[in-house]
Protein backbone atom coordinates (compact mmCIF):
# COMPACT_ATOMS: atom_id res chain seq x y z
CA MET A 1 -0.20 0.03 0.11
CA SER A 2 1.40 3.31 -0.82
CA ALA A 3 -1.34 5.18 0.77
CA TYR A 4 -0.51 7.91 3.92
CA ILE A 5 -2.98 7.93 6.75
CA ARG A 6 -3.36 11.20 7.99
CA THR A 7 -5.93 12.82 10.74
CA ALA A 8 -8.75 14.48 9.48
CA ALA A 9 -9.79 17.76 10.48
CA VAL A 10 -12.32 20.82 9.88
CA GLY A 11 -11.69 21.60 6.26
CA ASP A 12 -11.64 18.13 5.28
CA GLU A 13 -15.66 17.45 5.17
CA THR A 14 -15.83 17.90 1.40
CA VAL A 15 -13.41 15.05 0.63
CA LEU A 16 -15.11 13.01 3.49
CA ALA A 17 -18.47 13.55 1.66
CA GLY A 18 -16.87 12.90 -1.59
CA LEU A 19 -15.32 9.55 -0.50
CA ASN A 20 -18.80 8.49 1.23
CA ARG A 21 -20.56 8.32 -1.85
CA PHE A 22 -19.01 4.99 -2.47
CA ALA A 23 -20.51 3.55 0.78
CA GLN A 24 -23.65 5.39 0.50
CA ASN A 25 -24.13 4.09 -3.13
CA LEU A 26 -23.96 0.61 -2.10
CA HIS A 27 -26.41 1.42 0.76
CA VAL A 28 -29.06 2.88 -1.30
CA GLU A 29 -28.51 -0.26 -3.81
CA ARG A 30 -28.79 -2.90 -1.18
CA ARG A 31 -31.52 -1.29 0.83
CA PRO A 32 -33.34 1.32 -0.59
CA ASP A 33 -35.96 0.98 1.79
CA LEU A 34 -34.03 2.98 4.47
CA PHE A 35 -31.32 4.63 2.27
CA ARG A 36 -31.66 7.65 -0.25
CA ALA A 37 -29.08 8.94 -2.48
CA ALA A 38 -26.82 11.33 -0.69
CA ARG A 39 -26.98 15.46 -1.30
CA GLY A 40 -23.32 16.51 -1.16
CA GLN A 41 -23.43 19.95 0.73
CA GLU A 42 -25.85 18.34 3.12
CA VAL A 43 -23.21 15.34 3.76
CA ALA A 44 -20.33 17.99 4.04
CA ALA A 45 -22.31 19.56 6.62
CA TRP A 46 -22.82 16.42 8.69
CA PHE A 47 -19.10 15.76 8.46
CA ARG A 48 -18.19 18.92 9.46
CA SER A 49 -20.36 18.74 12.72
CA ARG A 50 -18.45 15.26 13.36
CA LEU A 51 -15.25 16.88 12.92
CA GLU A 52 -15.85 19.80 15.18
CA ASP A 53 -17.04 17.02 17.98
CA PRO A 54 -14.28 16.61 20.57
CA ALA A 55 -15.36 13.01 20.46
CA THR A 56 -14.87 12.37 16.95
CA ARG A 57 -11.87 10.88 15.34
CA ALA A 58 -11.27 10.57 11.77
CA TRP A 59 -8.62 9.66 9.24
CA ILE A 60 -8.14 9.90 5.57
CA ALA A 61 -5.69 7.68 3.29
CA ASP A 62 -3.99 9.52 0.86
CA ASP A 63 -1.88 8.55 -2.42
CA SER A 64 -0.01 11.22 -3.81
CA GLY A 65 -2.72 13.85 -2.80
CA THR A 66 -5.54 11.73 -3.74
CA PRO A 67 -7.65 11.11 -1.07
CA ILE A 68 -8.60 7.43 -1.46
CA GLY A 69 -10.25 6.36 1.87
CA TYR A 70 -11.27 7.17 5.46
CA LEU A 71 -12.28 5.80 8.52
CA LEU A 72 -14.57 7.76 10.97
CA ALA A 73 -14.68 6.70 14.63
CA MET A 74 -16.33 8.08 17.90
CA LEU A 75 -15.36 7.64 21.62
CA GLN A 76 -18.15 6.76 23.66
CA GLU A 77 -18.68 6.85 27.44
CA ARG A 78 -21.73 4.99 28.86
CA SER A 79 -22.60 5.40 32.66
CA GLU A 80 -23.47 2.47 34.66
CA GLY A 81 -27.23 1.56 34.50
CA PRO A 82 -29.69 -0.96 36.27
CA PHE A 83 -28.44 -3.34 33.54
CA THR A 84 -25.10 -2.70 32.38
CA VAL A 85 -21.34 -1.32 33.95
CA ALA A 86 -19.81 1.69 32.76
CA ARG A 87 -17.90 1.46 30.19
CA ARG A 88 -15.61 4.11 27.50
CA PHE A 89 -15.10 2.50 24.25
CA CYS A 90 -14.25 3.56 20.40
CA GLU A 91 -17.01 2.90 17.86
CA ILE A 92 -15.97 2.44 14.27
CA ASP A 93 -18.53 4.23 12.67
CA GLN A 94 -17.45 4.30 9.13
CA MET A 95 -15.14 3.12 6.78
CA VAL A 96 -14.96 3.61 3.14
CA VAL A 97 -12.32 2.98 0.37
CA ASP A 98 -12.61 3.70 -3.15
CA PRO A 99 -13.68 0.56 -5.03
CA ALA A 100 -10.51 1.17 -7.79
CA ARG A 101 -8.19 1.23 -4.72
CA ARG A 102 -9.67 -1.82 -2.63
CA ARG A 103 -7.62 -5.07 -1.75
CA GLU A 104 -4.30 -3.03 -1.44
CA GLY A 105 -4.54 -3.02 2.42
CA VAL A 106 -6.14 0.70 2.58
CA ALA A 107 -8.88 -0.43 4.80
CA ARG A 108 -6.55 -2.31 7.22
CA ALA A 109 -3.95 0.64 7.60
CA LEU A 110 -7.07 2.71 8.47
CA LEU A 111 -8.39 0.47 10.96
CA LEU A 112 -4.75 -0.38 12.34
CA LYS A 113 -4.37 3.50 12.84
CA ALA A 114 -7.51 3.65 14.54
CA LEU A 115 -6.85 1.00 16.79
CA SER A 116 -3.49 2.14 17.94
CA GLU A 117 -4.92 5.98 18.62
CA ALA A 118 -7.74 4.47 20.74
CA ARG A 119 -5.18 2.73 22.64
CA ALA A 120 -2.82 5.41 22.94
CA GLU A 121 -6.12 7.08 24.45
CA GLY A 122 -6.25 4.60 26.94
CA ILE A 123 -9.44 2.73 25.35
CA ARG A 124 -9.31 -1.20 25.00
CA GLU A 125 -12.64 -1.94 23.63
CA ILE A 126 -13.27 -1.18 19.84
CA GLU A 127 -16.56 -1.86 18.33
CA ALA A 128 -17.68 -1.71 14.61
CA THR A 129 -20.91 -2.02 13.08
CA SER A 130 -21.56 -3.10 9.46
CA TRP A 131 -24.76 -4.18 7.52
CA SER A 132 -25.25 -7.64 7.04
CA PHE A 133 -24.87 -7.44 3.44
CA ASN A 134 -21.17 -6.22 3.83
CA ASP A 135 -18.92 -9.62 3.70
CA SER A 136 -15.99 -8.15 2.78
CA ALA A 137 -15.88 -5.63 5.78
CA HIS A 138 -17.11 -8.59 7.81
CA ALA A 139 -13.90 -10.55 6.58
CA MET A 140 -11.54 -7.69 7.00
CA PHE A 141 -12.88 -7.42 10.95
CA ARG A 142 -12.40 -10.87 11.69
CA ARG A 143 -9.11 -11.04 10.13
CA LEU A 144 -7.92 -8.65 12.63
CA GLY A 145 -9.96 -10.27 15.31
CA PHE A 146 -12.94 -9.05 15.85
CA VAL A 147 -15.70 -11.49 16.65
CA PRO A 148 -19.73 -10.68 16.33
CA LYS A 149 -21.12 -9.26 19.43
CA THR A 150 -24.73 -8.80 18.88
CA VAL A 151 -27.14 -9.82 15.98
CA ARG A 152 -30.06 -7.73 15.18
CA PHE A 153 -33.10 -9.22 13.17
CA GLU A 154 -35.76 -7.21 11.44
CA LEU A 155 -39.33 -8.04 10.38
CA LYS A 156 -41.02 -6.44 7.57
CA GLY A 157 -44.44 -6.02 7.09
CA GLU A 158 -46.98 -8.65 8.49
CA SER A 159 -45.96 -11.81 9.92
CA SER A 160 -48.42 -15.19 10.29
């Protein structure tokens, strides 16, 4: 892999929005009942709000000045509740690589960067969410030691 991983910051929102279209198009294709085509300025504004949030961590994979992927993560702190213990963890929320650059280790490099940074902040628990149709992401997570944690089911329409 020849990409350089850099920290994303305010000002990178249009880069992130541009790369996001690869994932968003897949989501719209596979689940049009849940997702809609993204509007560039609306998505860029959303990314800007994320980048302004101190709990957000984001990185961009760049190859000779061309952004080819990104990872967006959020630090989560949950108070103890009646059923759960207090916990602090890093949630990998989005990871996207330009389809022309897949299978080159870009997603792996982004994820390893996120894991390294979380550990440097004293965070040992890392979670990632992925739609059930994203088999390639699941395989990569498993290769890096992730294991399934929960399974979410849905029932559409009427059942008998």
